[in-house]
Structures are given as C-alpha cells and as structure tokens.
Amino acid sequence: MSILSTPIARLDGTPTTLGELTGGKPALLVNVASKCGLTPQYAGLEALQERYAERGFTVVGLPCNQFMGQEPGSPEEIAEFCSATYGVTFPMTEKIDVNGDDRHAIYSGLVDTPNEAGVAGDVTWNFEKFVIDGDGVVVARFSPRVEPQDSAVIEVIEDALA
C-alpha cells in the first residue's frame, strides 16, 4: 500500500488522503511548527509552492508538537498564523506525531530513508523535509537546517518533475 492512500485529516478536520493532497504528483512533506527557530522556512516553502504549483508539485505541511512544544496552537491558530505571517497557500494537515508509539502512518515509511548525510531513523526536529514522487516513493530526505531553497532540494524537485 502506497503512503498516498494513507488517511489523514486536513487542518480544518476534513478527512482526506495524502494522495488527494498531492494529486498523485511529486510533493515535499514537511513537519512544521509555528514557534521554532526554523519557522521562517515557511517563506521558502511557500516560494517553492508558488514556483512549482503549475507543474503539479505541492508542499504539504504536517504540523507537529513533539519538539519542545513548538506547535501548541489549535488548528485555527495554526491556519491564521501561517496565512497572516507567511501567506501559506499549500495544504496543511491535522497536527500529528512523527516519532514514537503514536507516529502517523505517513511517517512510518518516510523515516527509513536516509537524509543528505546518510542518516535514517526518527525525525530529528521541526522542518525535516521529504520529497516523494507521484507514486508516493521517497526520493530524498533533507535535515531541518537545509533550507527549502537549497540547490540540492531544487535539484531533487526538478528531477521528480522531469
């Protein structure tokens, strides 16, 4: 079973699947947080969304509160923050766990992929990035400090869309 068929809810609680959020096209999955030192990466994520949306690519934000409680808000507060502060237009999901016993099923397969340094395993912090192809296969993983506009991220996205 592809991760694309995995059920998840949108930030507003509407049931969906990862495949419906991505349209079966390449996507960048990112565990996001509103009160993190890396939160300004939202601007770069939105820039990717704007740059590649016409080609079918999307960013998917997956809010997570597992790292020092840096995503404490309600769904409404998260939506307002992302919209008002960064003009986010990409889809956002319900708040989920990316590690531990309650890890969301989407992340079960993602964490087996090594990042740019060759390290696999648990998500290390907010804003860890996974690029998937249109079939839901992970093609790259980037650690949190790798900026969305990094040339390595752009190259992987371009290759996934080729």
Protein backbone atom coordinates (compact mmCIF):
# COMPACT_ATOMS: atom_id res chain seq x y z
CA MET A 1 0.00 0.00 0.00
CA SER A 2 1.37 3.40 -1.00
CA ILE A 3 1.56 6.18 1.56
CA LEU A 4 -0.64 8.11 -0.85
CA SER A 5 -3.66 6.08 0.28
CA THR A 6 -2.96 6.78 3.96
CA PRO A 7 -5.87 8.59 5.63
CA ILE A 8 -5.17 11.93 7.27
CA ALA A 9 -7.27 14.98 8.01
CA ARG A 10 -6.74 18.46 6.67
CA LEU A 11 -6.02 21.19 9.22
CA ASP A 12 -9.75 22.01 9.28
CA GLY A 13 -10.56 18.39 10.18
CA THR A 14 -11.83 17.33 6.75
CA PRO A 15 -10.85 13.69 6.07
CA THR A 16 -8.56 13.14 3.09
CA THR A 17 -5.56 11.08 2.00
CA LEU A 18 -2.03 12.11 1.19
CA GLY A 19 -2.78 11.24 -2.45
CA GLU A 20 -5.68 13.68 -2.53
CA LEU A 21 -3.49 16.41 -1.04
CA THR A 22 -0.71 15.81 -3.60
CA GLY A 23 -2.90 14.99 -6.58
CA GLY A 24 -0.66 11.98 -7.21
CA LYS A 25 2.17 14.32 -8.18
CA PRO A 26 5.59 14.90 -6.61
CA ALA A 27 5.47 16.70 -3.28
CA LEU A 28 7.57 17.97 -0.40
CA LEU A 29 6.35 16.75 3.00
CA VAL A 30 7.49 18.87 5.95
CA ASN A 31 6.76 18.62 9.67
CA VAL A 32 6.13 22.25 10.59
CA ALA A 33 5.91 24.32 13.77
CA SER A 34 4.92 27.93 14.41
CA LYS A 35 7.23 28.70 17.36
CA CYS A 36 10.55 27.27 16.22
CA GLY A 37 13.79 28.98 15.27
CA LEU A 38 13.33 27.40 11.84
CA THR A 39 9.78 28.74 11.40
CA PRO A 40 10.97 31.37 8.87
CA GLN A 41 11.44 28.41 6.48
CA TYR A 42 7.70 28.79 5.83
CA ALA A 43 8.66 31.63 3.46
CA GLY A 44 10.92 29.32 1.44
CA LEU A 45 8.31 26.55 1.44
CA GLU A 46 5.69 28.97 0.11
CA ALA A 47 8.16 30.15 -2.55
CA LEU A 48 8.55 26.51 -3.70
CA GLN A 49 4.77 26.15 -3.79
CA GLU A 50 4.42 29.25 -5.94
CA ARG A 51 7.31 28.26 -8.23
CA TYR A 52 6.19 24.68 -8.91
CA ALA A 53 2.40 24.53 -8.39
CA GLU A 54 1.66 24.97 -12.10
CA ARG A 55 3.72 21.83 -12.78
CA GLY A 56 1.61 19.83 -10.29
CA PHE A 57 4.08 19.93 -7.39
CA THR A 58 2.90 20.78 -3.89
CA VAL A 59 4.31 21.31 -0.45
CA VAL A 60 2.36 19.60 2.34
CA GLY A 61 2.75 20.97 5.87
CA LEU A 62 2.26 18.46 8.67
CA PRO A 63 2.12 20.34 11.99
CA CYS A 64 3.81 18.55 14.87
CA ASN A 65 4.14 19.49 18.53
CA GLN A 66 6.70 16.84 19.51
CA PHE A 67 9.77 19.08 19.58
CA MET A 68 9.77 21.23 22.72
CA GLY A 69 6.06 22.05 22.29
CA GLN A 70 6.79 24.39 19.38
CA GLU A 71 3.40 23.84 17.69
CA PRO A 72 0.99 24.39 20.61
CA GLY A 73 -1.80 26.14 18.70
CA SER A 74 -5.26 24.98 17.77
CA PRO A 75 -5.94 24.25 14.09
CA GLU A 76 -7.50 27.70 13.75
CA GLU A 77 -4.48 29.38 15.35
CA ILE A 78 -2.07 27.46 13.12
CA ALA A 79 -4.04 28.38 9.99
CA GLU A 80 -4.22 32.05 10.97
CA PHE A 81 -0.50 32.23 11.80
CA CYS A 82 0.56 30.56 8.53
CA SER A 83 -1.75 32.67 6.41
CA ALA A 84 -1.16 36.03 8.09
CA THR A 85 2.58 35.68 8.69
CA TYR A 86 3.80 33.75 5.64
CA GLY A 87 0.91 33.77 3.15
CA VAL A 88 0.88 29.98 3.11
CA THR A 89 -1.28 28.54 0.31
CA PHE A 90 -0.06 24.92 0.37
CA PRO A 91 -2.17 22.26 2.10
CA MET A 92 -1.76 21.70 5.81
CA THR A 93 -2.84 18.61 7.72
CA GLU A 94 -4.05 17.98 11.22
CA LYS A 95 -1.39 18.04 13.93
CA ILE A 96 0.36 14.65 14.03
CA ASP A 97 3.20 12.79 15.73
CA VAL A 98 6.19 12.00 13.52
CA ASN A 99 8.05 9.85 16.09
CA GLY A 100 7.22 7.39 18.85
CA ASP A 101 4.37 4.99 19.51
CA ASP A 102 1.79 7.36 18.01
CA ARG A 103 3.81 8.12 14.86
CA HIS A 104 1.41 8.79 11.99
CA ALA A 105 1.39 6.06 9.33
CA ILE A 106 2.67 8.52 6.70
CA TYR A 107 5.92 8.82 8.63
CA SER A 108 6.34 5.08 9.22
CA GLY A 109 7.89 4.61 5.79
CA LEU A 110 9.48 8.03 5.47
CA VAL A 111 11.90 7.65 8.38
CA ASP A 112 13.62 4.65 6.75
CA THR A 113 15.07 6.99 4.10
CA PRO A 114 18.50 8.45 4.89
CA ASN A 115 18.98 12.22 4.71
CA GLU A 116 21.69 14.09 2.78
CA ALA A 117 24.26 12.99 5.42
CA GLY A 118 23.24 9.32 5.12
CA VAL A 119 21.34 9.24 8.43
CA ALA A 120 17.98 7.43 8.63
CA GLY A 121 15.66 6.97 11.59
CA ASP A 122 13.46 9.24 13.66
CA VAL A 123 12.72 12.77 12.55
CA THR A 124 15.29 14.92 14.33
CA TRP A 125 13.47 18.28 14.58
CA ASN A 126 10.87 20.55 13.01
CA PHE A 127 11.14 21.23 9.28
CA GLU A 128 12.63 17.90 8.23
CA LYS A 129 11.85 17.55 4.52
CA PHE A 130 10.89 14.52 2.43
CA VAL A 131 10.44 14.67 -1.35
CA ILE A 132 8.12 12.00 -2.73
CA ASP A 133 7.39 11.18 -6.35
CA GLY A 134 3.91 10.84 -7.86
CA ASP A 135 3.70 7.23 -6.64
CA GLY A 136 4.48 8.20 -3.04
CA VAL A 137 8.03 6.83 -3.13
CA VAL A 138 10.55 8.85 -1.11
CA VAL A 139 13.24 10.19 -3.43
CA ALA A 140 15.11 12.38 -0.94
CA ARG A 141 15.23 13.46 2.69
CA PHE A 142 16.72 16.68 3.99
CA SER A 143 17.57 17.56 7.57
CA PRO A 144 15.81 20.51 9.21
CA ARG A 145 18.59 23.05 8.69
CA VAL A 146 18.63 22.50 4.91
CA GLU A 147 16.70 25.50 3.58
CA PRO A 148 13.80 24.90 1.19
CA GLN A 149 15.59 26.98 -1.47
CA ASP A 150 18.85 24.98 -1.18
CA SER A 151 20.15 23.92 -4.60
CA ALA A 152 20.06 20.24 -3.57
CA VAL A 153 16.34 20.49 -2.76
CA ILE A 154 15.62 22.33 -6.03
CA GLU A 155 17.56 19.69 -8.00
CA VAL A 156 15.56 16.83 -6.46
CA ILE A 157 12.26 18.62 -7.13
CA GLU A 158 13.24 19.33 -10.75
CA ASP A 159 14.24 15.67 -11.22
CA ALA A 160 10.97 14.47 -9.68
CA LEU A 161 9.01 16.68 -12.07
CA ALA A 162 11.02 15.68 -15.19
